[in-house]
Amino acid sequence: MCLPACGGSKSDGPSAEQKAAEAKKKADEEAAEAAAVTARKAKREADEKAKADADAKVATELERLCVVPAKLPKDPVAACEDVGKAHDAYIRRVGDAKAVADWDASGKEAALPMTVVQCTQADSVKTAACQKNALEGAGPELKDHVKKMMQVCIDKFGSKRAPPSGMPQKRPG
């Protein structure tokens, strides 16, 4: 008999137990991957829902704030100057010390004239009153939405006339 010398007792592949262990390991890895995919999908959907809820909250707040007060100013130029002052006061009211310092150092010089120009281009006392009202009533949750706030007032109450010649046209979008 040549069983030990010929190698006849040794099998040529993994045993049934090894195959079962590999299959279980592979199934566990696939289950873990599927769970990870499901978790990522749930997180992404939750993030999208949270963003949609936040956007809806901002839109609701903008609709509440962007209205014309009962008393309208008479002079549109002075009203737009008041919008610039309200913008400055808003940044000072809702910003932290660093944000106010940055605003004073560089932001104010560019932003305030642009605020006044956009208000003036809207060619409407109602727009100016709306913008000032919105800035005075807005809370810190809208600090990143000032431009949107201004645009909502322009869209609602801005003049529908063509701007005078030489005046920059409204940018599309």
N, C-alpha and C. Protein backbone atom coordinates (compact mmCIF):
# COMPACT_ATOMS: atom_id res chain seq x y z
N MET A 1 0.83 -1.18 0.00
CA MET A 1 0.00 0.00 0.00
C MET A 1 0.87 1.24 0.00
N CYS A 2 0.50 2.12 -0.80
CA CYS A 2 1.33 3.30 -0.89
C CYS A 2 0.56 4.55 -0.53
N LEU A 3 -0.33 4.47 0.38
CA LEU A 3 -1.13 5.63 0.76
C LEU A 3 -0.28 6.79 1.28
N PRO A 4 0.56 6.58 2.29
CA PRO A 4 1.31 7.73 2.78
C PRO A 4 2.35 8.22 1.77
N ALA A 5 2.99 7.34 1.05
CA ALA A 5 4.04 7.75 0.13
C ALA A 5 3.48 8.35 -1.14
N CYS A 6 2.34 7.94 -1.58
CA CYS A 6 1.77 8.43 -2.83
C CYS A 6 0.93 9.68 -2.63
N GLY A 7 0.62 10.00 -1.43
CA GLY A 7 -0.19 11.18 -1.15
C GLY A 7 -1.65 10.97 -1.46
N GLY A 8 -2.11 9.76 -1.45
CA GLY A 8 -3.48 9.45 -1.81
C GLY A 8 -4.50 9.88 -0.77
N SER A 9 -4.11 10.12 0.48
CA SER A 9 -5.09 10.45 1.50
C SER A 9 -5.36 11.95 1.57
N LYS A 10 -4.54 12.72 0.96
CA LYS A 10 -4.67 14.17 1.01
C LYS A 10 -5.62 14.63 -0.10
N SER A 11 -6.59 15.53 0.19
CA SER A 11 -7.50 16.01 -0.85
C SER A 11 -6.85 17.18 -1.59
N ASP A 12 -7.33 17.45 -2.78
CA ASP A 12 -6.72 18.47 -3.63
C ASP A 12 -7.39 19.84 -3.52
N GLY A 13 -8.26 20.12 -2.63
CA GLY A 13 -8.92 21.42 -2.53
C GLY A 13 -9.30 21.70 -1.10
N PRO A 14 -9.97 22.83 -0.89
CA PRO A 14 -10.40 23.17 0.45
C PRO A 14 -11.46 22.19 0.92
N SER A 15 -11.48 21.98 2.20
CA SER A 15 -12.46 21.06 2.78
C SER A 15 -13.84 21.73 2.78
N ALA A 16 -14.83 20.96 3.07
CA ALA A 16 -16.20 21.48 3.12
C ALA A 16 -16.33 22.56 4.19
N GLU A 17 -15.63 22.39 5.30
CA GLU A 17 -15.66 23.39 6.38
C GLU A 17 -15.04 24.70 5.92
N GLN A 18 -13.91 24.63 5.19
CA GLN A 18 -13.26 25.84 4.68
C GLN A 18 -14.16 26.54 3.67
N LYS A 19 -14.79 25.76 2.80
CA LYS A 19 -15.71 26.36 1.81
C LYS A 19 -16.87 27.05 2.52
N ALA A 20 -17.40 26.43 3.54
CA ALA A 20 -18.51 27.02 4.30
C ALA A 20 -18.06 28.30 5.00
N ALA A 21 -16.86 28.29 5.56
CA ALA A 21 -16.33 29.47 6.25
C ALA A 21 -16.12 30.61 5.26
N GLU A 22 -15.59 30.31 4.07
CA GLU A 22 -15.39 31.33 3.04
C GLU A 22 -16.72 31.90 2.57
N ALA A 23 -17.70 31.02 2.37
CA ALA A 23 -19.02 31.48 1.93
C ALA A 23 -19.65 32.38 2.99
N LYS A 24 -19.51 32.00 4.26
CA LYS A 24 -20.06 32.82 5.35
C LYS A 24 -19.35 34.17 5.41
N LYS A 25 -18.04 34.15 5.26
CA LYS A 25 -17.26 35.39 5.29
C LYS A 25 -17.69 36.30 4.15
N LYS A 26 -17.85 35.73 2.94
CA LYS A 26 -18.26 36.52 1.78
C LYS A 26 -19.67 37.08 1.99
N ALA A 27 -20.56 36.27 2.53
CA ALA A 27 -21.93 36.74 2.80
C ALA A 27 -21.92 37.86 3.84
N ASP A 28 -21.08 37.73 4.87
CA ASP A 28 -20.97 38.77 5.89
C ASP A 28 -20.44 40.08 5.29
N GLU A 29 -19.43 39.99 4.41
CA GLU A 29 -18.88 41.18 3.75
C GLU A 29 -19.93 41.84 2.88
N GLU A 30 -20.69 41.04 2.12
CA GLU A 30 -21.74 41.60 1.26
C GLU A 30 -22.83 42.25 2.10
N ALA A 31 -23.19 41.64 3.21
CA ALA A 31 -24.20 42.22 4.10
C ALA A 31 -23.70 43.54 4.70
N ALA A 32 -22.43 43.56 5.10
CA ALA A 32 -21.86 44.79 5.66
C ALA A 32 -21.83 45.90 4.61
N GLU A 33 -21.46 45.57 3.39
CA GLU A 33 -21.45 46.55 2.30
C GLU A 33 -22.85 47.06 2.01
N ALA A 34 -23.82 46.15 1.99
CA ALA A 34 -25.21 46.56 1.75
C ALA A 34 -25.70 47.47 2.87
N ALA A 35 -25.33 47.15 4.10
CA ALA A 35 -25.72 48.00 5.23
C ALA A 35 -25.07 49.37 5.13
N ALA A 36 -23.80 49.39 4.70
CA ALA A 36 -23.11 50.68 4.55
C ALA A 36 -23.75 51.52 3.45
N VAL A 37 -24.13 50.88 2.34
CA VAL A 37 -24.80 51.59 1.24
C VAL A 37 -26.14 52.15 1.74
N THR A 38 -26.88 51.34 2.46
CA THR A 38 -28.16 51.78 3.00
C THR A 38 -27.98 52.94 3.97
N ALA A 39 -26.96 52.87 4.80
CA ALA A 39 -26.69 53.95 5.76
C ALA A 39 -26.31 55.24 5.04
N ARG A 40 -25.47 55.13 4.01
CA ARG A 40 -25.08 56.33 3.25
C ARG A 40 -26.29 56.93 2.55
N LYS A 41 -27.14 56.08 1.99
CA LYS A 41 -28.34 56.57 1.31
C LYS A 41 -29.27 57.27 2.30
N ALA A 42 -29.46 56.67 3.48
CA ALA A 42 -30.31 57.28 4.50
C ALA A 42 -29.74 58.62 4.96
N LYS A 43 -28.41 58.70 5.13
CA LYS A 43 -27.78 59.96 5.54
C LYS A 43 -27.94 61.02 4.46
N ARG A 44 -27.74 60.62 3.20
CA ARG A 44 -27.89 61.57 2.10
C ARG A 44 -29.33 62.09 2.02
N GLU A 45 -30.30 61.18 2.16
CA GLU A 45 -31.70 61.59 2.12
C GLU A 45 -32.04 62.50 3.30
N ALA A 46 -31.50 62.18 4.48
CA ALA A 46 -31.74 63.03 5.64
C ALA A 46 -31.11 64.41 5.45
N ASP A 47 -29.90 64.45 4.88
CA ASP A 47 -29.25 65.73 4.60
C ASP A 47 -30.06 66.54 3.60
N GLU A 48 -30.55 65.87 2.55
CA GLU A 48 -31.35 66.57 1.54
C GLU A 48 -32.64 67.11 2.15
N LYS A 49 -33.27 66.31 3.01
CA LYS A 49 -34.51 66.76 3.67
C LYS A 49 -34.22 67.94 4.59
N ALA A 50 -33.12 67.86 5.34
CA ALA A 50 -32.76 68.96 6.23
C ALA A 50 -32.49 70.24 5.44
N LYS A 51 -31.81 70.10 4.30
CA LYS A 51 -31.53 71.27 3.46
C LYS A 51 -32.83 71.84 2.89
N ALA A 52 -33.72 70.96 2.44
CA ALA A 52 -35.00 71.42 1.90
C ALA A 52 -35.82 72.11 2.98
N ASP A 53 -35.81 71.54 4.20
CA ASP A 53 -36.53 72.17 5.31
C ASP A 53 -35.95 73.53 5.65
N ALA A 54 -34.61 73.63 5.66
CA ALA A 54 -33.96 74.91 5.94
C ALA A 54 -34.27 75.93 4.86
N ASP A 55 -34.24 75.50 3.59
CA ASP A 55 -34.58 76.41 2.49
C ASP A 55 -36.03 76.88 2.59
N ALA A 56 -36.92 75.97 2.95
CA ALA A 56 -38.34 76.34 3.10
C ALA A 56 -38.51 77.33 4.25
N LYS A 57 -37.77 77.10 5.34
CA LYS A 57 -37.84 78.02 6.48
C LYS A 57 -37.34 79.41 6.09
N VAL A 58 -36.23 79.46 5.35
CA VAL A 58 -35.69 80.74 4.89
C VAL A 58 -36.70 81.42 3.96
N ALA A 59 -37.27 80.67 3.04
CA ALA A 59 -38.24 81.25 2.11
C ALA A 59 -39.45 81.81 2.86
N THR A 60 -39.93 81.08 3.85
CA THR A 60 -41.06 81.54 4.65
C THR A 60 -40.70 82.82 5.40
N GLU A 61 -39.51 82.84 5.97
CA GLU A 61 -39.07 84.03 6.71
C GLU A 61 -38.90 85.23 5.77
N LEU A 62 -38.37 84.99 4.57
CA LEU A 62 -38.22 86.07 3.60
C LEU A 62 -39.58 86.62 3.19
N GLU A 63 -40.54 85.74 2.98
CA GLU A 63 -41.89 86.19 2.62
C GLU A 63 -42.50 87.03 3.74
N ARG A 64 -42.23 86.63 4.98
CA ARG A 64 -42.76 87.37 6.12
C ARG A 64 -42.12 88.76 6.23
N LEU A 65 -40.81 88.83 5.98
CA LEU A 65 -40.07 90.09 6.16
C LEU A 65 -40.16 91.03 4.96
N CYS A 66 -40.23 90.48 3.78
CA CYS A 66 -40.14 91.30 2.57
C CYS A 66 -41.51 91.84 2.18
N VAL A 67 -41.96 92.77 2.98
CA VAL A 67 -43.24 93.44 2.76
C VAL A 67 -43.03 94.94 2.88
N VAL A 68 -43.97 95.69 2.34
CA VAL A 68 -43.89 97.14 2.40
C VAL A 68 -44.57 97.61 3.70
N PRO A 69 -43.87 98.42 4.48
CA PRO A 69 -44.50 98.94 5.70
C PRO A 69 -45.62 99.92 5.36
N ALA A 70 -46.43 100.25 6.35
CA ALA A 70 -47.58 101.13 6.13
C ALA A 70 -47.15 102.52 5.67
N LYS A 71 -46.07 103.04 6.22
CA LYS A 71 -45.63 104.39 5.88
C LYS A 71 -44.45 104.30 4.91
N LEU A 72 -44.62 104.87 3.72
CA LEU A 72 -43.57 104.86 2.70
C LEU A 72 -42.79 106.17 2.73
N PRO A 73 -41.49 106.09 2.48
CA PRO A 73 -40.70 107.33 2.37
C PRO A 73 -41.08 108.06 1.08
N LYS A 74 -40.80 109.34 1.06
CA LYS A 74 -41.13 110.16 -0.12
C LYS A 74 -40.00 110.17 -1.15
N ASP A 75 -38.77 110.28 -0.68
CA ASP A 75 -37.62 110.42 -1.58
C ASP A 75 -36.95 109.06 -1.79
N PRO A 76 -36.94 108.56 -3.04
CA PRO A 76 -36.34 107.25 -3.29
C PRO A 76 -34.83 107.20 -3.05
N VAL A 77 -34.13 108.29 -3.33
CA VAL A 77 -32.68 108.31 -3.13
C VAL A 77 -32.36 108.23 -1.63
N ALA A 78 -33.05 109.02 -0.83
CA ALA A 78 -32.85 108.99 0.61
C ALA A 78 -33.26 107.62 1.18
N ALA A 79 -34.31 107.05 0.61
CA ALA A 79 -34.77 105.73 1.06
C ALA A 79 -33.70 104.68 0.80
N CYS A 80 -33.04 104.76 -0.35
CA CYS A 80 -31.98 103.80 -0.66
C CYS A 80 -30.75 104.02 0.22
N GLU A 81 -30.46 105.27 0.56
CA GLU A 81 -29.38 105.55 1.52
C GLU A 81 -29.71 104.91 2.87
N ASP A 82 -30.98 104.96 3.25
CA ASP A 82 -31.41 104.33 4.50
C ASP A 82 -31.26 102.81 4.44
N VAL A 83 -31.45 102.24 3.26
CA VAL A 83 -31.25 100.79 3.08
C VAL A 83 -29.79 100.45 3.35
N GLY A 84 -28.87 101.27 2.84
CA GLY A 84 -27.45 101.06 3.10
C GLY A 84 -27.14 101.12 4.58
N LYS A 85 -27.72 102.09 5.28
CA LYS A 85 -27.52 102.21 6.73
C LYS A 85 -28.12 101.00 7.46
N ALA A 86 -29.27 100.54 7.00
CA ALA A 86 -29.90 99.37 7.62
C ALA A 86 -29.05 98.11 7.40
N HIS A 87 -28.42 98.01 6.22
CA HIS A 87 -27.54 96.87 5.93
C HIS A 87 -26.36 96.88 6.90
N ASP A 88 -25.76 98.04 7.08
CA ASP A 88 -24.63 98.16 8.02
C ASP A 88 -25.08 97.80 9.44
N ALA A 89 -26.23 98.31 9.85
CA ALA A 89 -26.74 98.03 11.20
C ALA A 89 -27.05 96.54 11.37
N TYR A 90 -27.56 95.91 10.32
CA TYR A 90 -27.87 94.48 10.39
C TYR A 90 -26.61 93.65 10.61
N ILE A 91 -25.56 93.95 9.84
CA ILE A 91 -24.30 93.21 10.00
C ILE A 91 -23.76 93.40 11.41
N ARG A 92 -23.84 94.58 11.92
CA ARG A 92 -23.34 94.86 13.29
C ARG A 92 -24.21 94.15 14.34
N ARG A 93 -25.50 94.04 14.07
CA ARG A 93 -26.41 93.42 15.03
C ARG A 93 -26.26 91.90 15.08
N VAL A 94 -26.08 91.25 13.94
CA VAL A 94 -26.08 89.78 13.93
C VAL A 94 -24.68 89.16 13.86
N GLY A 95 -23.68 89.96 13.51
CA GLY A 95 -22.34 89.41 13.36
C GLY A 95 -21.60 89.30 14.69
N ASP A 96 -20.68 88.36 14.76
CA ASP A 96 -19.83 88.27 15.93
C ASP A 96 -18.71 89.31 15.78
N ALA A 97 -17.84 89.41 16.75
CA ALA A 97 -16.80 90.44 16.75
C ALA A 97 -15.90 90.32 15.52
N LYS A 98 -15.53 89.09 15.15
CA LYS A 98 -14.66 88.90 13.98
C LYS A 98 -15.37 89.30 12.69
N ALA A 99 -16.64 88.94 12.56
CA ALA A 99 -17.40 89.29 11.36
C ALA A 99 -17.54 90.80 11.22
N VAL A 100 -17.79 91.48 12.33
CA VAL A 100 -17.91 92.94 12.31
C VAL A 100 -16.56 93.58 11.96
N ALA A 101 -15.47 93.03 12.51
CA ALA A 101 -14.14 93.56 12.20
C ALA A 101 -13.82 93.36 10.71
N ASP A 102 -14.15 92.18 10.17
CA ASP A 102 -13.94 91.93 8.73
C ASP A 102 -14.80 92.87 7.89
N TRP A 103 -16.03 93.09 8.33
CA TRP A 103 -16.95 93.98 7.64
C TRP A 103 -16.37 95.40 7.60
N ASP A 104 -15.87 95.86 8.73
CA ASP A 104 -15.29 97.20 8.79
C ASP A 104 -14.00 97.30 7.98
N ALA A 105 -13.22 96.22 7.99
CA ALA A 105 -11.92 96.23 7.31
C ALA A 105 -12.07 96.22 5.79
N SER A 106 -12.97 95.43 5.26
CA SER A 106 -13.00 95.35 3.80
C SER A 106 -14.39 95.16 3.21
N GLY A 107 -15.29 94.52 3.90
CA GLY A 107 -16.58 94.19 3.31
C GLY A 107 -17.49 95.37 3.09
N LYS A 108 -17.50 96.27 4.04
CA LYS A 108 -18.42 97.39 4.01
C LYS A 108 -18.18 98.31 2.81
N GLU A 109 -16.92 98.52 2.47
CA GLU A 109 -16.57 99.45 1.40
C GLU A 109 -17.15 99.02 0.05
N ALA A 110 -17.26 97.73 -0.17
CA ALA A 110 -17.80 97.23 -1.44
C ALA A 110 -19.29 96.96 -1.35
N ALA A 111 -19.74 96.42 -0.24
CA ALA A 111 -21.12 95.97 -0.12
C ALA A 111 -22.13 97.11 -0.02
N LEU A 112 -21.85 98.10 0.80
CA LEU A 112 -22.84 99.17 1.00
C LEU A 112 -23.13 99.97 -0.26
N PRO A 113 -22.11 100.40 -1.01
CA PRO A 113 -22.44 101.11 -2.25
C PRO A 113 -23.24 100.23 -3.22
N MET A 114 -22.91 98.93 -3.25
CA MET A 114 -23.64 98.03 -4.14
C MET A 114 -25.09 97.89 -3.69
N THR A 115 -25.31 97.83 -2.39
CA THR A 115 -26.67 97.75 -1.86
C THR A 115 -27.47 98.97 -2.28
N VAL A 116 -26.86 100.15 -2.15
CA VAL A 116 -27.54 101.40 -2.51
C VAL A 116 -27.80 101.45 -4.02
N VAL A 117 -26.83 101.04 -4.83
CA VAL A 117 -26.99 101.06 -6.28
C VAL A 117 -28.11 100.11 -6.71
N GLN A 118 -28.12 98.91 -6.17
CA GLN A 118 -29.17 97.95 -6.53
C GLN A 118 -30.55 98.47 -6.13
N CYS A 119 -30.61 99.08 -4.98
CA CYS A 119 -31.87 99.67 -4.53
C CYS A 119 -32.31 100.78 -5.48
N THR A 120 -31.36 101.64 -5.84
CA THR A 120 -31.66 102.76 -6.73
C THR A 120 -32.09 102.25 -8.10
N GLN A 121 -31.43 101.20 -8.60
CA GLN A 121 -31.78 100.65 -9.91
C GLN A 121 -33.17 100.05 -9.93
N ALA A 122 -33.65 99.62 -8.78
CA ALA A 122 -35.00 99.06 -8.71
C ALA A 122 -36.04 100.14 -8.99
N ASP A 123 -35.64 101.41 -8.79
CA ASP A 123 -36.46 102.56 -9.15
C ASP A 123 -37.84 102.50 -8.51
N SER A 124 -37.86 102.20 -7.22
CA SER A 124 -39.14 102.08 -6.52
C SER A 124 -38.97 102.39 -5.04
N VAL A 125 -39.78 103.29 -4.53
CA VAL A 125 -39.77 103.60 -3.11
C VAL A 125 -40.24 102.37 -2.33
N LYS A 126 -41.14 101.61 -2.92
CA LYS A 126 -41.63 100.40 -2.25
C LYS A 126 -40.51 99.38 -2.06
N THR A 127 -39.66 99.26 -3.07
CA THR A 127 -38.52 98.34 -2.95
C THR A 127 -37.61 98.77 -1.81
N ALA A 128 -37.29 100.04 -1.75
CA ALA A 128 -36.42 100.55 -0.69
C ALA A 128 -37.06 100.31 0.68
N ALA A 129 -38.35 100.59 0.80
CA ALA A 129 -39.04 100.39 2.08
C ALA A 129 -39.05 98.91 2.46
N CYS A 130 -39.26 98.05 1.48
CA CYS A 130 -39.25 96.60 1.71
C CYS A 130 -37.87 96.14 2.18
N GLN A 131 -36.83 96.59 1.49
CA GLN A 131 -35.48 96.18 1.86
C GLN A 131 -35.11 96.64 3.27
N LYS A 132 -35.43 97.88 3.59
CA LYS A 132 -35.13 98.41 4.91
C LYS A 132 -35.92 97.64 5.97
N ASN A 133 -37.18 97.39 5.71
CA ASN A 133 -38.03 96.64 6.64
C ASN A 133 -37.47 95.23 6.86
N ALA A 134 -37.04 94.57 5.78
CA ALA A 134 -36.50 93.21 5.88
C ALA A 134 -35.21 93.20 6.69
N LEU A 135 -34.33 94.14 6.42
CA LEU A 135 -33.05 94.20 7.14
C LEU A 135 -33.26 94.49 8.62
N GLU A 136 -34.21 95.35 8.93
CA GLU A 136 -34.45 95.70 10.33
C GLU A 136 -35.13 94.57 11.09
N GLY A 137 -35.87 93.72 10.39
CA GLY A 137 -36.59 92.65 11.07
C GLY A 137 -35.89 91.30 11.04
N ALA A 138 -34.86 91.17 10.21
CA ALA A 138 -34.20 89.87 10.03
C ALA A 138 -33.37 89.50 11.24
N GLY A 139 -33.35 88.20 11.50
CA GLY A 139 -32.55 87.67 12.59
C GLY A 139 -31.25 87.08 12.08
N PRO A 140 -30.45 86.54 12.97
CA PRO A 140 -29.14 86.00 12.60
C PRO A 140 -29.23 84.81 11.63
N GLU A 141 -30.37 84.10 11.61
CA GLU A 141 -30.49 82.95 10.72
C GLU A 141 -30.46 83.35 9.24
N LEU A 142 -30.66 84.63 8.95
CA LEU A 142 -30.67 85.10 7.56
C LEU A 142 -29.39 85.83 7.18
N LYS A 143 -28.36 85.79 8.03
CA LYS A 143 -27.15 86.56 7.74
C LYS A 143 -26.47 86.14 6.45
N ASP A 144 -26.65 84.90 6.02
CA ASP A 144 -26.06 84.45 4.76
C ASP A 144 -27.00 84.65 3.57
N HIS A 145 -28.14 85.27 3.81
CA HIS A 145 -29.15 85.42 2.76
C HIS A 145 -29.50 86.88 2.49
N VAL A 146 -28.59 87.80 2.78
CA VAL A 146 -28.89 89.22 2.60
C VAL A 146 -29.16 89.53 1.13
N LYS A 147 -28.34 89.01 0.23
CA LYS A 147 -28.55 89.28 -1.20
C LYS A 147 -29.90 88.75 -1.66
N LYS A 148 -30.25 87.58 -1.17
CA LYS A 148 -31.54 86.98 -1.54
C LYS A 148 -32.67 87.85 -1.00
N MET A 149 -32.50 88.34 0.21
CA MET A 149 -33.50 89.22 0.82
C MET A 149 -33.71 90.47 -0.04
N MET A 150 -32.61 91.07 -0.46
CA MET A 150 -32.69 92.26 -1.31
C MET A 150 -33.38 91.94 -2.64
N GLN A 151 -33.04 90.79 -3.21
CA GLN A 151 -33.60 90.42 -4.50
C GLN A 151 -35.09 90.12 -4.42
N VAL A 152 -35.54 89.54 -3.32
CA VAL A 152 -36.98 89.27 -3.16
C VAL A 152 -37.75 90.59 -3.20
N CYS A 153 -37.24 91.60 -2.50
CA CYS A 153 -37.90 92.92 -2.52
C CYS A 153 -37.88 93.53 -3.92
N ILE A 154 -36.77 93.39 -4.61
CA ILE A 154 -36.68 93.93 -5.98
C ILE A 154 -37.67 93.22 -6.88
N ASP A 155 -37.74 91.89 -6.77
CA ASP A 155 -38.66 91.13 -7.61
C ASP A 155 -40.12 91.47 -7.31
N LYS A 156 -40.42 91.70 -6.04
CA LYS A 156 -41.81 91.98 -5.66
C LYS A 156 -42.23 93.41 -6.00
N PHE A 157 -41.35 94.37 -5.74
CA PHE A 157 -41.77 95.76 -5.80
C PHE A 157 -40.96 96.64 -6.75
N GLY A 158 -39.97 96.07 -7.43
CA GLY A 158 -39.15 96.87 -8.34
C GLY A 158 -39.96 97.39 -9.51
N SER A 159 -39.49 98.48 -10.08
CA SER A 159 -40.16 99.08 -11.22
C SER A 159 -40.10 98.13 -12.41
N LYS A 160 -41.19 98.08 -13.13
CA LYS A 160 -41.25 97.23 -14.33
C LYS A 160 -40.81 97.99 -15.58
N ARG A 161 -40.50 99.28 -15.40
CA ARG A 161 -40.02 100.08 -16.53
C ARG A 161 -38.59 99.70 -16.88
N ALA A 162 -38.22 99.97 -18.12
CA ALA A 162 -36.83 99.75 -18.53
C ALA A 162 -35.96 100.77 -17.82
N PRO A 163 -34.76 100.38 -17.40
CA PRO A 163 -33.89 101.35 -16.74
C PRO A 163 -33.48 102.46 -17.72
N PRO A 164 -33.19 103.64 -17.20
CA PRO A 164 -32.77 104.73 -18.09
C PRO A 164 -31.51 104.37 -18.84
N SER A 165 -31.33 105.01 -19.98
CA SER A 165 -30.13 104.71 -20.78
C SER A 165 -28.89 105.05 -19.96
N GLY A 166 -27.87 104.25 -20.13
CA GLY A 166 -26.64 104.43 -19.37
C GLY A 166 -26.64 103.68 -18.06
N MET A 167 -27.80 103.23 -17.62
CA MET A 167 -27.90 102.48 -16.37
C MET A 167 -27.62 101.00 -16.68
N PRO A 168 -26.82 100.34 -15.89
CA PRO A 168 -26.55 98.92 -16.17
C PRO A 168 -27.84 98.10 -16.14
N GLN A 169 -27.93 97.17 -17.05
CA GLN A 169 -29.10 96.31 -17.12
C GLN A 169 -29.01 95.25 -16.03
N LYS A 170 -30.17 94.78 -15.62
CA LYS A 170 -30.22 93.70 -14.62
C LYS A 170 -29.61 92.45 -15.21
N ARG A 171 -28.76 91.80 -14.44
CA ARG A 171 -28.12 90.58 -14.92
C ARG A 171 -29.14 89.44 -14.96
N PRO A 172 -29.06 88.59 -15.97
CA PRO A 172 -29.98 87.44 -15.99
C PRO A 172 -29.62 86.47 -14.88
N GLY A 173 -30.63 85.77 -14.39
CA GLY A 173 -30.39 84.74 -13.37
C GLY A 173 -30.61 85.23 -12.06
